[in-house]
Each structure stands twice: as structure tokens, then as C-alpha cells.
Amino acid sequence: MESLRVYVSVPVVGFRAAQAREYWETYPFPPPSTIYGMLLSLVGEPDRLVHTGTELSMALLSEPQTSVLLRTLWRVKDKKVGPGLSNNKRPDFQELLTDVRLVVWLIPGSEETASPTLLARVRGALERPQEISRFGGLSLGESTHLVNEVREWRHGDIGTGRMLIPDNRGDLSLPIWADHVGSRGTRWGQFRLEGSLIEPQPKEQTWISIKPPEISK
């Protein structure tokens, strides 16, 4: 099946762990749900349900360094004062990764029904960006974590990386589909990272289907 390889680089970024509260620790690898959201933003698609069933495979090319930032967060603690004032702000620590470079493969997958597919739209956006209607900066996660470069993979790019491999016994838990209102609609996956050559077509076991969980009523 036809696939598309996309190179992505982000200078500074954080992927807040779901359990993080006052100390915002980061996942060491971009969650599949976050990468899917970035691709939707790239093509100007606001509805993330349109391309459910898209399959992604990904590898981290760099060895990001972790730093800790002290930041001020707004909250609603006292309705009598304005936002960001008095008790409505607090200091928090946030982990950030520096120099994140990754490669993402995508295929339509057997369950994607949209036409054109996300693969076709991403390829079109990279080849003819002037035809894309979108708004805001392209980010990976938070809006301030802007993507520095996104393009098709070139001959001569770095040929090794760490593949994200689905593995029920893996030690890395990441969201495949995020519920931005509660947690019930979040679909999780267990993964491990494995050093590998960056092949034109990744191994079959590395593909991840991006779709919400089946929730019983």
C-alpha cells in the first residue's frame, strides 16, 4: 500500500503526561494523537473525525534534551478577582524537550473512508501549500510549540532512529485518541521504543490506527 514519509522538526516542545499536575512531566515521545492533530492542522481540517482510521507509523530521529521551565498558570480560584490575578494564578514546573526531530509514515488504512484521504491531503499541502486554507501557526501540542520544518523525506536524510512499536508489554503508555473534555473517550496504547533503520516502508507491526475507542453505553 502506498505510504508517505514526512519529516518534522520542533525546536522546543512538551507532551504533558496525563497524570501530571503541579509538575508537568513530558512524555519522551510525541503521542500518536498529537501527531494526528498536527497533520490535520497542516491541511486545515478542523474536524478530527473526518480522517479516523488513518494509520501512522513514527520514529524519533534525535535524542532530545529535557529541561524544566518555571511558568505561571492561570486558574479560576476566586471569582471576585480577574483572570491571572491574586489566587487565580500559580507557579508550576513544566518539562520541555529540545530538538525533537521525527519521521512519520501515513497510509489511509482499511477503516478510513474519507475522500480525499489524509495522505493525499498532506501530500498536496506539502507540494502546493498556496492552495491550503488554514489558520494559526503549525504546532505539535501546545500552540506555542511551533513546528520549525515539515516536508517529505529526502534522500540523504538521517537513516536511523527509534521506532515507536505497539507492545502490550511495553513500558510507554501514550494516547492514540485524546478526549479533550474528560478521560472516558481517550484511547490508550502501550508501546516500546526500538532502534531501527529508517526504511521506505516500516514494518507491519509498527502501524497505529487513529480512531476513538468503542465506548459501551
N, C-alpha and C. Protein backbone atom coordinates (compact mmCIF):
# COMPACT_ATOMS: atom_id res chain seq x y z
N MET A 1 0.84 -1.19 0.00
CA MET A 1 0.00 0.00 0.00
C MET A 1 0.87 1.24 0.00
N GLU A 2 0.45 2.26 -0.76
CA GLU A 2 1.21 3.49 -0.84
C GLU A 2 1.29 4.17 0.52
N SER A 3 2.48 4.66 0.86
CA SER A 3 2.65 5.40 2.10
C SER A 3 3.39 6.71 1.79
N LEU A 4 3.33 7.63 2.74
CA LEU A 4 4.01 8.91 2.63
C LEU A 4 4.89 9.09 3.85
N ARG A 5 6.17 9.46 3.63
CA ARG A 5 7.09 9.73 4.73
C ARG A 5 7.24 11.23 4.90
N VAL A 6 7.02 11.70 6.12
CA VAL A 6 7.08 13.13 6.41
C VAL A 6 8.11 13.38 7.50
N TYR A 7 8.98 14.35 7.26
CA TYR A 7 9.98 14.76 8.25
C TYR A 7 9.44 15.97 9.01
N VAL A 8 9.55 15.94 10.34
CA VAL A 8 9.05 17.02 11.19
C VAL A 8 10.12 17.39 12.21
N SER A 9 10.35 18.68 12.40
CA SER A 9 11.28 19.12 13.44
C SER A 9 10.62 20.24 14.26
N VAL A 10 10.84 20.17 15.57
CA VAL A 10 10.30 21.17 16.50
C VAL A 10 11.43 21.54 17.46
N PRO A 11 11.79 22.83 17.57
CA PRO A 11 12.91 23.22 18.43
C PRO A 11 12.66 22.94 19.91
N VAL A 12 11.48 23.34 20.41
CA VAL A 12 11.14 23.18 21.83
C VAL A 12 9.69 22.73 21.92
N VAL A 13 9.44 21.68 22.70
CA VAL A 13 8.08 21.15 22.78
C VAL A 13 7.94 20.32 24.06
N GLY A 14 6.71 20.23 24.55
CA GLY A 14 6.42 19.39 25.70
C GLY A 14 5.15 18.59 25.44
N PHE A 15 5.13 17.34 25.86
CA PHE A 15 3.96 16.48 25.70
C PHE A 15 3.51 16.07 27.10
N ARG A 16 2.66 16.89 27.69
CA ARG A 16 2.29 16.74 29.09
C ARG A 16 1.68 15.36 29.36
N ALA A 17 2.24 14.66 30.34
CA ALA A 17 1.71 13.36 30.74
C ALA A 17 0.34 13.54 31.38
N ALA A 18 -0.54 12.59 31.15
CA ALA A 18 -1.93 12.71 31.61
C ALA A 18 -2.03 12.84 33.12
N GLN A 19 -1.15 12.19 33.86
CA GLN A 19 -1.22 12.19 35.31
C GLN A 19 -0.53 13.40 35.94
N ALA A 20 0.11 14.24 35.12
CA ALA A 20 0.88 15.36 35.65
C ALA A 20 -0.04 16.45 36.21
N ARG A 21 0.31 17.02 37.35
CA ARG A 21 -0.46 18.10 37.96
C ARG A 21 0.43 19.32 38.17
N GLU A 22 0.94 19.53 39.39
CA GLU A 22 1.78 20.71 39.62
C GLU A 22 3.10 20.64 38.85
N TYR A 23 3.61 19.43 38.68
CA TYR A 23 4.84 19.25 37.91
C TYR A 23 4.46 18.58 36.60
N TRP A 24 4.59 19.33 35.49
CA TRP A 24 4.16 18.84 34.18
C TRP A 24 5.28 18.06 33.51
N GLU A 25 5.37 16.79 33.84
CA GLU A 25 6.38 15.97 33.16
C GLU A 25 5.93 15.68 31.73
N THR A 26 6.88 15.42 30.87
CA THR A 26 6.58 15.22 29.46
C THR A 26 6.80 13.76 29.07
N TYR A 27 5.98 13.30 28.12
CA TYR A 27 6.27 12.00 27.51
C TYR A 27 7.57 12.14 26.71
N PRO A 28 8.36 11.09 26.61
CA PRO A 28 9.62 11.17 25.85
C PRO A 28 9.42 11.10 24.35
N PHE A 29 8.17 10.79 23.94
CA PHE A 29 7.86 10.61 22.51
C PHE A 29 6.53 11.28 22.22
N PRO A 30 6.38 11.93 21.07
CA PRO A 30 5.10 12.56 20.75
C PRO A 30 3.97 11.53 20.67
N PRO A 31 2.88 11.71 21.40
CA PRO A 31 1.76 10.76 21.33
C PRO A 31 1.18 10.71 19.92
N PRO A 32 0.73 9.54 19.47
CA PRO A 32 0.09 9.43 18.15
C PRO A 32 -1.06 10.41 17.97
N SER A 33 -1.84 10.65 19.02
CA SER A 33 -2.96 11.60 18.92
C SER A 33 -2.47 13.01 18.63
N THR A 34 -1.32 13.38 19.18
CA THR A 34 -0.76 14.72 18.96
C THR A 34 -0.25 14.86 17.53
N ILE A 35 0.40 13.83 17.02
CA ILE A 35 0.89 13.87 15.64
C ILE A 35 -0.27 13.93 14.65
N TYR A 36 -1.31 13.17 14.92
CA TYR A 36 -2.51 13.20 14.07
C TYR A 36 -3.11 14.61 14.06
N GLY A 37 -3.20 15.24 15.22
CA GLY A 37 -3.72 16.61 15.29
C GLY A 37 -2.87 17.59 14.51
N MET A 38 -1.56 17.42 14.55
CA MET A 38 -0.67 18.30 13.78
C MET A 38 -0.90 18.14 12.28
N LEU A 39 -1.10 16.91 11.82
CA LEU A 39 -1.34 16.67 10.40
C LEU A 39 -2.67 17.27 9.96
N LEU A 40 -3.69 17.18 10.82
CA LEU A 40 -4.98 17.81 10.50
C LEU A 40 -4.83 19.32 10.39
N SER A 41 -4.06 19.90 11.31
CA SER A 41 -3.83 21.35 11.27
C SER A 41 -3.08 21.74 10.00
N LEU A 42 -2.13 20.90 9.59
CA LEU A 42 -1.35 21.18 8.38
C LEU A 42 -2.24 21.33 7.16
N VAL A 43 -3.27 20.47 7.06
CA VAL A 43 -4.13 20.51 5.87
C VAL A 43 -5.35 21.40 6.07
N GLY A 44 -5.49 22.01 7.27
CA GLY A 44 -6.61 22.90 7.51
C GLY A 44 -7.92 22.20 7.81
N GLU A 45 -7.85 21.01 8.44
CA GLU A 45 -9.06 20.26 8.76
C GLU A 45 -9.41 20.42 10.24
N PRO A 46 -10.53 21.10 10.57
CA PRO A 46 -10.89 21.32 11.98
C PRO A 46 -11.61 20.14 12.62
N ASP A 47 -12.13 19.21 11.84
CA ASP A 47 -12.90 18.09 12.37
C ASP A 47 -12.02 16.84 12.41
N ARG A 48 -11.62 16.43 13.60
CA ARG A 48 -10.70 15.29 13.68
C ARG A 48 -11.37 13.96 13.39
N LEU A 49 -12.70 13.94 13.30
CA LEU A 49 -13.40 12.69 12.98
C LEU A 49 -13.34 12.35 11.49
N VAL A 50 -13.02 13.35 10.67
CA VAL A 50 -13.06 13.15 9.21
C VAL A 50 -12.14 12.02 8.77
N HIS A 51 -10.95 11.97 9.33
CA HIS A 51 -9.95 11.00 8.85
C HIS A 51 -9.67 9.89 9.86
N THR A 52 -10.66 9.55 10.68
CA THR A 52 -10.47 8.41 11.58
C THR A 52 -10.21 7.15 10.75
N GLY A 53 -9.35 6.31 11.26
CA GLY A 53 -8.94 5.12 10.53
C GLY A 53 -7.61 5.28 9.83
N THR A 54 -7.13 6.54 9.71
CA THR A 54 -5.78 6.76 9.20
C THR A 54 -4.77 5.98 10.05
N GLU A 55 -3.78 5.42 9.40
CA GLU A 55 -2.76 4.68 10.15
C GLU A 55 -1.43 5.41 10.07
N LEU A 56 -0.76 5.50 11.21
CA LEU A 56 0.52 6.19 11.32
C LEU A 56 1.58 5.24 11.85
N SER A 57 2.81 5.48 11.43
CA SER A 57 3.99 4.84 11.99
C SER A 57 5.00 5.96 12.19
N MET A 58 5.81 5.89 13.23
CA MET A 58 6.68 7.03 13.52
C MET A 58 7.95 6.60 14.22
N ALA A 59 8.98 7.44 14.02
CA ALA A 59 10.28 7.18 14.64
C ALA A 59 10.90 8.50 15.05
N LEU A 60 11.57 8.50 16.19
CA LEU A 60 12.28 9.68 16.68
C LEU A 60 13.71 9.63 16.17
N LEU A 61 14.12 10.69 15.48
CA LEU A 61 15.45 10.73 14.86
C LEU A 61 16.51 11.32 15.78
N SER A 62 16.09 12.16 16.72
CA SER A 62 17.03 12.88 17.57
C SER A 62 17.04 12.29 18.98
N GLU A 63 17.93 12.83 19.80
CA GLU A 63 18.00 12.50 21.23
C GLU A 63 17.68 13.78 22.00
N PRO A 64 16.40 14.10 22.16
CA PRO A 64 16.02 15.39 22.78
C PRO A 64 16.55 15.52 24.21
N GLN A 65 16.96 16.74 24.54
CA GLN A 65 17.39 17.05 25.90
C GLN A 65 16.19 17.59 26.69
N THR A 66 16.10 17.20 27.96
CA THR A 66 15.00 17.63 28.81
C THR A 66 15.43 18.79 29.69
N SER A 67 14.60 19.83 29.75
CA SER A 67 14.83 20.95 30.65
C SER A 67 13.54 21.22 31.41
N VAL A 68 13.63 22.02 32.46
CA VAL A 68 12.47 22.33 33.29
C VAL A 68 12.25 23.83 33.31
N LEU A 69 11.01 24.24 33.04
CA LEU A 69 10.64 25.64 32.97
C LEU A 69 9.71 25.98 34.14
N LEU A 70 9.96 27.09 34.79
CA LEU A 70 9.05 27.60 35.81
C LEU A 70 8.12 28.60 35.12
N ARG A 71 6.83 28.31 35.14
CA ARG A 71 5.88 29.15 34.44
C ARG A 71 4.71 29.49 35.35
N THR A 72 3.96 30.54 34.98
CA THR A 72 2.77 30.94 35.72
C THR A 72 1.54 30.47 34.98
N LEU A 73 0.69 29.72 35.67
CA LEU A 73 -0.53 29.21 35.06
C LEU A 73 -1.74 29.93 35.63
N TRP A 74 -2.70 30.19 34.77
CA TRP A 74 -3.95 30.80 35.20
C TRP A 74 -4.93 29.72 35.62
N ARG A 75 -5.75 30.03 36.62
CA ARG A 75 -6.80 29.13 37.07
C ARG A 75 -7.94 29.96 37.63
N VAL A 76 -9.09 29.35 37.86
CA VAL A 76 -10.23 30.06 38.44
C VAL A 76 -10.38 29.58 39.89
N LYS A 77 -9.84 30.34 40.81
CA LYS A 77 -9.88 30.02 42.23
C LYS A 77 -10.78 31.01 42.97
N ASP A 78 -10.75 32.25 42.53
CA ASP A 78 -11.52 33.31 43.17
C ASP A 78 -12.25 34.11 42.09
N LYS A 79 -13.57 33.98 42.05
CA LYS A 79 -14.36 34.66 41.03
C LYS A 79 -14.45 36.17 41.26
N LYS A 80 -14.03 36.63 42.40
CA LYS A 80 -14.13 38.06 42.71
C LYS A 80 -12.99 38.87 42.09
N VAL A 81 -11.94 38.21 41.64
CA VAL A 81 -10.83 38.92 41.01
C VAL A 81 -10.69 38.45 39.57
N GLY A 82 -9.99 39.22 38.79
CA GLY A 82 -9.86 38.91 37.37
C GLY A 82 -8.96 37.72 37.10
N PRO A 83 -8.98 37.23 35.86
CA PRO A 83 -8.12 36.09 35.47
C PRO A 83 -6.64 36.46 35.57
N GLY A 84 -5.86 35.55 36.12
CA GLY A 84 -4.43 35.77 36.23
C GLY A 84 -4.02 36.68 37.37
N LEU A 85 -4.98 37.03 38.26
CA LEU A 85 -4.68 37.92 39.37
C LEU A 85 -4.83 37.19 40.70
N SER A 86 -4.05 37.60 41.69
CA SER A 86 -4.15 37.08 43.05
C SER A 86 -4.14 35.54 43.06
N ASN A 87 -5.19 34.93 43.64
CA ASN A 87 -5.24 33.47 43.75
C ASN A 87 -5.52 32.77 42.43
N ASN A 88 -5.81 33.53 41.40
CA ASN A 88 -6.12 32.93 40.10
C ASN A 88 -4.89 32.69 39.25
N LYS A 89 -3.77 32.61 39.90
CA LYS A 89 -2.54 32.22 39.21
C LYS A 89 -1.67 31.45 40.19
N ARG A 90 -0.81 30.60 39.65
CA ARG A 90 0.08 29.82 40.50
C ARG A 90 1.31 29.43 39.69
N PRO A 91 2.43 29.23 40.37
CA PRO A 91 3.63 28.77 39.66
C PRO A 91 3.58 27.26 39.44
N ASP A 92 4.04 26.82 38.32
CA ASP A 92 4.12 25.39 38.04
C ASP A 92 5.40 25.12 37.25
N PHE A 93 5.88 23.90 37.37
CA PHE A 93 7.06 23.48 36.63
C PHE A 93 6.62 22.65 35.42
N GLN A 94 7.27 22.87 34.30
CA GLN A 94 6.95 22.13 33.08
C GLN A 94 8.23 21.60 32.45
N GLU A 95 8.23 20.31 32.14
CA GLU A 95 9.35 19.74 31.40
C GLU A 95 9.19 20.02 29.91
N LEU A 96 10.29 20.34 29.26
CA LEU A 96 10.31 20.59 27.83
C LEU A 96 11.41 19.77 27.18
N LEU A 97 11.18 19.40 25.94
CA LEU A 97 12.17 18.69 25.14
C LEU A 97 12.75 19.64 24.10
N THR A 98 14.04 19.61 23.93
CA THR A 98 14.72 20.46 22.94
C THR A 98 15.24 19.59 21.80
N ASP A 99 15.02 20.06 20.57
CA ASP A 99 15.48 19.39 19.36
C ASP A 99 14.76 18.06 19.14
N VAL A 100 13.47 18.15 18.85
CA VAL A 100 12.68 16.97 18.52
C VAL A 100 12.61 16.86 17.00
N ARG A 101 13.15 15.78 16.45
CA ARG A 101 13.09 15.51 15.02
C ARG A 101 12.54 14.10 14.82
N LEU A 102 11.56 13.98 13.98
CA LEU A 102 10.94 12.68 13.80
C LEU A 102 10.50 12.49 12.35
N VAL A 103 10.25 11.23 12.03
CA VAL A 103 9.71 10.88 10.72
C VAL A 103 8.38 10.18 10.96
N VAL A 104 7.39 10.55 10.16
CA VAL A 104 6.05 9.98 10.28
C VAL A 104 5.66 9.38 8.93
N TRP A 105 5.25 8.12 8.95
CA TRP A 105 4.67 7.50 7.76
C TRP A 105 3.15 7.50 7.92
N LEU A 106 2.42 7.67 6.84
CA LEU A 106 0.98 7.53 6.93
C LEU A 106 0.42 6.81 5.71
N ILE A 107 -0.62 6.03 5.97
CA ILE A 107 -1.39 5.33 4.93
C ILE A 107 -2.86 5.52 5.25
N PRO A 108 -3.75 5.38 4.25
CA PRO A 108 -5.18 5.53 4.54
C PRO A 108 -5.69 4.52 5.54
N GLY A 109 -5.20 3.32 5.51
CA GLY A 109 -5.71 2.29 6.42
C GLY A 109 -7.03 1.73 5.91
N SER A 110 -7.37 0.56 6.41
CA SER A 110 -8.57 -0.13 5.92
C SER A 110 -9.87 0.51 6.40
N GLU A 111 -9.79 1.36 7.44
CA GLU A 111 -11.00 1.93 8.03
C GLU A 111 -11.23 3.39 7.68
N GLU A 112 -10.29 4.03 7.00
CA GLU A 112 -10.51 5.42 6.62
C GLU A 112 -11.43 5.47 5.39
N THR A 113 -12.50 6.23 5.48
CA THR A 113 -13.49 6.31 4.40
C THR A 113 -13.49 7.66 3.70
N ALA A 114 -12.74 8.62 4.22
CA ALA A 114 -12.75 9.97 3.65
C ALA A 114 -12.10 9.98 2.27
N SER A 115 -12.60 10.84 1.42
CA SER A 115 -12.02 11.06 0.09
C SER A 115 -12.01 12.57 -0.19
N PRO A 116 -10.83 13.16 -0.41
CA PRO A 116 -9.52 12.52 -0.46
C PRO A 116 -9.06 12.08 0.93
N THR A 117 -8.11 11.15 0.95
CA THR A 117 -7.58 10.64 2.21
C THR A 117 -6.66 11.68 2.85
N LEU A 118 -6.34 11.45 4.11
CA LEU A 118 -5.40 12.36 4.78
C LEU A 118 -4.04 12.31 4.10
N LEU A 119 -3.62 11.13 3.65
CA LEU A 119 -2.35 11.02 2.93
C LEU A 119 -2.35 11.94 1.72
N ALA A 120 -3.41 11.91 0.93
CA ALA A 120 -3.48 12.74 -0.27
C ALA A 120 -3.49 14.22 0.09
N ARG A 121 -4.17 14.57 1.17
CA ARG A 121 -4.24 15.98 1.56
C ARG A 121 -2.91 16.48 2.10
N VAL A 122 -2.21 15.64 2.86
CA VAL A 122 -0.90 16.04 3.38
C VAL A 122 0.08 16.20 2.23
N ARG A 123 0.08 15.26 1.30
CA ARG A 123 0.96 15.37 0.14
C ARG A 123 0.65 16.65 -0.65
N GLY A 124 -0.61 16.95 -0.83
CA GLY A 124 -0.99 18.16 -1.55
C GLY A 124 -0.55 19.42 -0.81
N ALA A 125 -0.65 19.41 0.53
CA ALA A 125 -0.24 20.56 1.32
C ALA A 125 1.25 20.81 1.23
N LEU A 126 2.04 19.72 1.17
CA LEU A 126 3.49 19.86 1.09
C LEU A 126 3.94 20.28 -0.31
N GLU A 127 3.22 19.81 -1.33
CA GLU A 127 3.61 20.14 -2.70
C GLU A 127 3.05 21.48 -3.16
N ARG A 128 1.84 21.84 -2.67
CA ARG A 128 1.19 23.08 -3.11
C ARG A 128 0.62 23.82 -1.90
N PRO A 129 1.48 24.33 -1.02
CA PRO A 129 0.99 24.98 0.21
C PRO A 129 0.12 26.19 -0.05
N GLN A 130 0.28 26.83 -1.20
CA GLN A 130 -0.51 28.01 -1.51
C GLN A 130 -1.99 27.68 -1.70
N GLU A 131 -2.32 26.42 -1.88
CA GLU A 131 -3.71 26.03 -2.10
C GLU A 131 -4.43 25.66 -0.80
N ILE A 132 -3.71 25.66 0.33
CA ILE A 132 -4.29 25.25 1.61
C ILE A 132 -4.89 26.44 2.33
N SER A 133 -6.10 26.27 2.84
CA SER A 133 -6.76 27.28 3.65
C SER A 133 -6.73 26.82 5.11
N ARG A 134 -5.98 27.50 5.95
CA ARG A 134 -5.85 27.15 7.35
C ARG A 134 -5.57 28.41 8.15
N PHE A 135 -5.55 28.30 9.46
CA PHE A 135 -5.32 29.46 10.31
C PHE A 135 -4.39 29.09 11.45
N GLY A 136 -3.68 30.09 11.98
CA GLY A 136 -2.79 29.87 13.11
C GLY A 136 -1.47 29.25 12.71
N GLY A 137 -0.54 29.22 13.68
CA GLY A 137 0.74 28.59 13.44
C GLY A 137 0.62 27.07 13.54
N LEU A 138 1.51 26.38 12.87
CA LEU A 138 1.52 24.92 12.91
C LEU A 138 2.33 24.49 14.13
N SER A 139 1.68 23.80 15.06
CA SER A 139 2.35 23.40 16.29
C SER A 139 2.20 21.90 16.52
N LEU A 140 3.02 21.39 17.41
CA LEU A 140 2.96 19.99 17.81
C LEU A 140 2.62 19.99 19.30
N GLY A 141 1.33 19.96 19.61
CA GLY A 141 0.92 20.06 21.01
C GLY A 141 0.43 21.47 21.31
N GLU A 142 1.06 22.14 22.28
CA GLU A 142 0.65 23.49 22.65
C GLU A 142 0.87 24.46 21.48
N SER A 143 0.04 25.49 21.45
CA SER A 143 0.10 26.45 20.33
C SER A 143 1.43 27.18 20.25
N THR A 144 2.14 27.28 21.38
CA THR A 144 3.44 27.97 21.37
C THR A 144 4.59 27.06 20.93
N HIS A 145 4.32 25.77 20.83
CA HIS A 145 5.37 24.83 20.43
C HIS A 145 5.31 24.65 18.91
N LEU A 146 5.83 25.63 18.22
CA LEU A 146 5.69 25.71 16.77
C LEU A 146 6.64 24.76 16.04
N VAL A 147 6.12 24.18 14.97
CA VAL A 147 6.92 23.31 14.10
C VAL A 147 7.88 24.16 13.30
N ASN A 148 9.14 23.77 13.27
CA ASN A 148 10.14 24.51 12.51
C ASN A 148 10.17 24.10 11.04
N GLU A 149 10.00 22.80 10.80
CA GLU A 149 10.07 22.28 9.43
C GLU A 149 9.19 21.06 9.29
N VAL A 150 8.44 21.00 8.19
CA VAL A 150 7.67 19.80 7.85
C VAL A 150 7.76 19.65 6.33
N ARG A 151 8.16 18.46 5.89
CA ARG A 151 8.37 18.23 4.46
C ARG A 151 8.43 16.73 4.21
N GLU A 152 8.42 16.37 2.95
CA GLU A 152 8.60 14.96 2.61
C GLU A 152 10.04 14.53 2.89
N TRP A 153 10.20 13.28 3.20
CA TRP A 153 11.52 12.70 3.47
C TRP A 153 12.38 12.80 2.21
N ARG A 154 13.65 13.18 2.37
CA ARG A 154 14.56 13.33 1.25
C ARG A 154 15.63 12.24 1.29
N HIS A 155 16.12 11.92 0.13
CA HIS A 155 17.26 11.01 0.05
C HIS A 155 18.46 11.67 0.72
N GLY A 156 19.08 10.96 1.63
CA GLY A 156 20.20 11.52 2.35
C GLY A 156 19.85 11.99 3.75
N ASP A 157 18.54 12.00 4.12
CA ASP A 157 18.17 12.32 5.49
C ASP A 157 18.70 11.24 6.43
N ILE A 158 18.73 11.55 7.73
CA ILE A 158 19.25 10.62 8.73
C ILE A 158 18.58 9.26 8.58
N GLY A 159 19.38 8.20 8.56
CA GLY A 159 18.83 6.89 8.27
C GLY A 159 18.56 5.99 9.45
N THR A 160 18.75 6.47 10.70
CA THR A 160 18.48 5.65 11.88
C THR A 160 17.61 6.43 12.86
N GLY A 161 16.90 5.71 13.69
CA GLY A 161 16.05 6.34 14.69
C GLY A 161 15.50 5.32 15.65
N ARG A 162 14.58 5.76 16.50
CA ARG A 162 13.92 4.86 17.45
C ARG A 162 12.45 4.76 17.06
N MET A 163 12.05 3.57 16.63
CA MET A 163 10.68 3.34 16.21
C MET A 163 9.76 3.19 17.42
N LEU A 164 8.55 3.71 17.27
CA LEU A 164 7.51 3.51 18.27
C LEU A 164 6.74 2.25 17.87
N ILE A 165 6.80 1.23 18.71
CA ILE A 165 6.23 -0.07 18.37
C ILE A 165 5.14 -0.44 19.37
N PRO A 166 3.92 -0.69 18.90
CA PRO A 166 2.86 -1.16 19.81
C PRO A 166 3.27 -2.48 20.47
N ASP A 167 3.14 -2.52 21.78
CA ASP A 167 3.55 -3.71 22.52
C ASP A 167 2.82 -3.69 23.87
N ASN A 168 1.94 -4.66 24.08
CA ASN A 168 1.18 -4.70 25.33
C ASN A 168 2.07 -4.80 26.56
N ARG A 169 3.30 -5.26 26.37
CA ARG A 169 4.23 -5.37 27.49
C ARG A 169 5.20 -4.19 27.53
N GLY A 170 5.01 -3.22 26.66
CA GLY A 170 5.89 -2.06 26.62
C GLY A 170 5.73 -1.18 27.85
N ASP A 171 6.75 -0.35 28.12
CA ASP A 171 6.75 0.49 29.32
C ASP A 171 6.32 1.92 29.05
N LEU A 172 5.84 2.20 27.84
CA LEU A 172 5.45 3.56 27.47
C LEU A 172 3.97 3.58 27.11
N SER A 173 3.18 4.32 27.89
CA SER A 173 1.75 4.44 27.64
C SER A 173 1.46 5.81 27.04
N LEU A 174 0.82 5.82 25.85
CA LEU A 174 0.56 7.06 25.13
C LEU A 174 -0.88 7.09 24.61
N PRO A 175 -1.48 8.28 24.54
CA PRO A 175 -2.83 8.37 23.98
C PRO A 175 -2.80 8.27 22.45
N ILE A 176 -3.66 7.41 21.93
CA ILE A 176 -3.84 7.29 20.48
C ILE A 176 -4.96 8.21 20.02
N TRP A 177 -5.96 8.36 20.88
CA TRP A 177 -7.07 9.28 20.62
C TRP A 177 -7.36 9.99 21.94
N ALA A 178 -7.31 11.32 21.96
CA ALA A 178 -7.46 12.08 23.21
C ALA A 178 -8.88 12.61 23.36
N ASP A 179 -9.42 12.46 24.57
CA ASP A 179 -10.70 13.06 24.93
C ASP A 179 -10.36 14.39 25.61
N HIS A 180 -10.71 15.50 24.97
CA HIS A 180 -10.33 16.82 25.49
C HIS A 180 -11.32 17.35 26.53
N VAL A 181 -12.37 16.59 26.83
CA VAL A 181 -13.36 17.00 27.82
C VAL A 181 -13.20 16.19 29.11
N GLY A 182 -13.12 14.89 28.97
CA GLY A 182 -12.91 14.01 30.12
C GLY A 182 -11.87 12.97 29.76
N SER A 183 -11.89 11.85 30.44
CA SER A 183 -10.92 10.79 30.16
C SER A 183 -11.58 9.55 29.55
N ARG A 184 -12.91 9.49 29.62
CA ARG A 184 -13.60 8.29 29.18
C ARG A 184 -13.39 8.00 27.70
N GLY A 185 -13.27 9.06 26.91
CA GLY A 185 -13.14 8.88 25.48
C GLY A 185 -11.71 8.83 24.98
N THR A 186 -10.75 8.72 25.89
CA THR A 186 -9.34 8.61 25.49
C THR A 186 -8.99 7.16 25.22
N ARG A 187 -8.36 6.92 24.10
CA ARG A 187 -7.89 5.58 23.76
C ARG A 187 -6.39 5.53 23.97
N TRP A 188 -5.95 4.58 24.79
CA TRP A 188 -4.55 4.46 25.14
C TRP A 188 -3.91 3.26 24.44
N GLY A 189 -2.61 3.32 24.31
CA GLY A 189 -1.85 2.21 23.76
C GLY A 189 -0.55 2.05 24.53
N GLN A 190 -0.07 0.82 24.61
CA GLN A 190 1.22 0.53 25.22
C GLN A 190 2.26 0.36 24.12
N PHE A 191 3.43 0.94 24.33
CA PHE A 191 4.46 0.96 23.30
C PHE A 191 5.83 0.72 23.91
N ARG A 192 6.77 0.43 23.01
CA ARG A 192 8.18 0.41 23.35
C ARG A 192 8.94 1.10 22.23
N LEU A 193 10.14 1.58 22.54
CA LEU A 193 10.99 2.21 21.54
C LEU A 193 12.10 1.24 21.16
N GLU A 194 12.37 1.15 19.87
CA GLU A 194 13.37 0.20 19.38
C GLU A 194 14.20 0.87 18.29
N GLY A 195 15.51 0.82 18.43
CA GLY A 195 16.40 1.36 17.42
C GLY A 195 16.23 0.65 16.09
N SER A 196 16.22 1.42 15.01
CA SER A 196 15.94 0.82 13.70
C SER A 196 16.45 1.72 12.58
N LEU A 197 16.71 1.12 11.44
CA LEU A 197 16.97 1.88 10.24
C LEU A 197 15.66 2.50 9.76
N ILE A 198 15.75 3.66 9.12
CA ILE A 198 14.56 4.32 8.58
C ILE A 198 14.35 3.80 7.16
N GLU A 199 13.45 2.83 7.04
CA GLU A 199 13.18 2.20 5.77
C GLU A 199 12.10 2.98 5.01
N PRO A 200 12.04 2.81 3.67
CA PRO A 200 10.95 3.44 2.90
C PRO A 200 9.57 3.01 3.40
N GLN A 201 9.45 1.76 3.82
CA GLN A 201 8.20 1.23 4.33
C GLN A 201 8.47 0.57 5.69
N PRO A 202 7.83 1.06 6.76
CA PRO A 202 8.09 0.46 8.07
C PRO A 202 7.47 -0.94 8.19
N LYS A 203 7.88 -1.65 9.22
CA LYS A 203 7.36 -2.99 9.45
C LYS A 203 5.87 -2.94 9.79
N GLU A 204 5.18 -4.01 9.45
CA GLU A 204 3.73 -4.05 9.62
C GLU A 204 3.30 -3.82 11.06
N GLN A 205 4.07 -4.33 12.03
CA GLN A 205 3.67 -4.23 13.42
C GLN A 205 3.81 -2.84 14.02
N THR A 206 4.36 -1.89 13.25
CA THR A 206 4.53 -0.53 13.77
C THR A 206 3.35 0.39 13.47
N TRP A 207 2.41 -0.06 12.64
CA TRP A 207 1.30 0.81 12.26
C TRP A 207 0.30 0.97 13.40
N ILE A 208 -0.22 2.19 13.55
CA ILE A 208 -1.18 2.53 14.61
C ILE A 208 -2.41 3.14 13.95
N SER A 209 -3.57 2.57 14.18
CA SER A 209 -4.81 3.09 13.63
C SER A 209 -5.35 4.19 14.54
N ILE A 210 -5.56 5.38 13.97
CA ILE A 210 -6.01 6.53 14.75
C ILE A 210 -7.53 6.59 14.73
N LYS A 211 -8.14 6.24 15.84
CA LYS A 211 -9.59 6.23 15.95
C LYS A 211 -9.99 6.24 17.41
N PRO A 212 -11.19 6.73 17.73
CA PRO A 212 -11.63 6.76 19.13
C PRO A 212 -11.95 5.36 19.63
N PRO A 213 -12.01 5.20 20.94
CA PRO A 213 -12.33 3.88 21.49
C PRO A 213 -13.82 3.56 21.30
N GLU A 214 -14.13 2.29 21.34
CA GLU A 214 -15.52 1.88 21.32
C GLU A 214 -16.03 1.91 22.77
N ILE A 215 -16.97 2.82 23.03
CA ILE A 215 -17.45 3.03 24.39
C ILE A 215 -18.85 2.46 24.51
N SER A 216 -19.03 1.53 25.43
CA SER A 216 -20.36 0.95 25.63
C SER A 216 -21.24 1.90 26.41
N LYS A 217 -22.50 1.96 26.05
CA LYS A 217 -23.44 2.88 26.71
C LYS A 217 -24.04 2.24 27.96
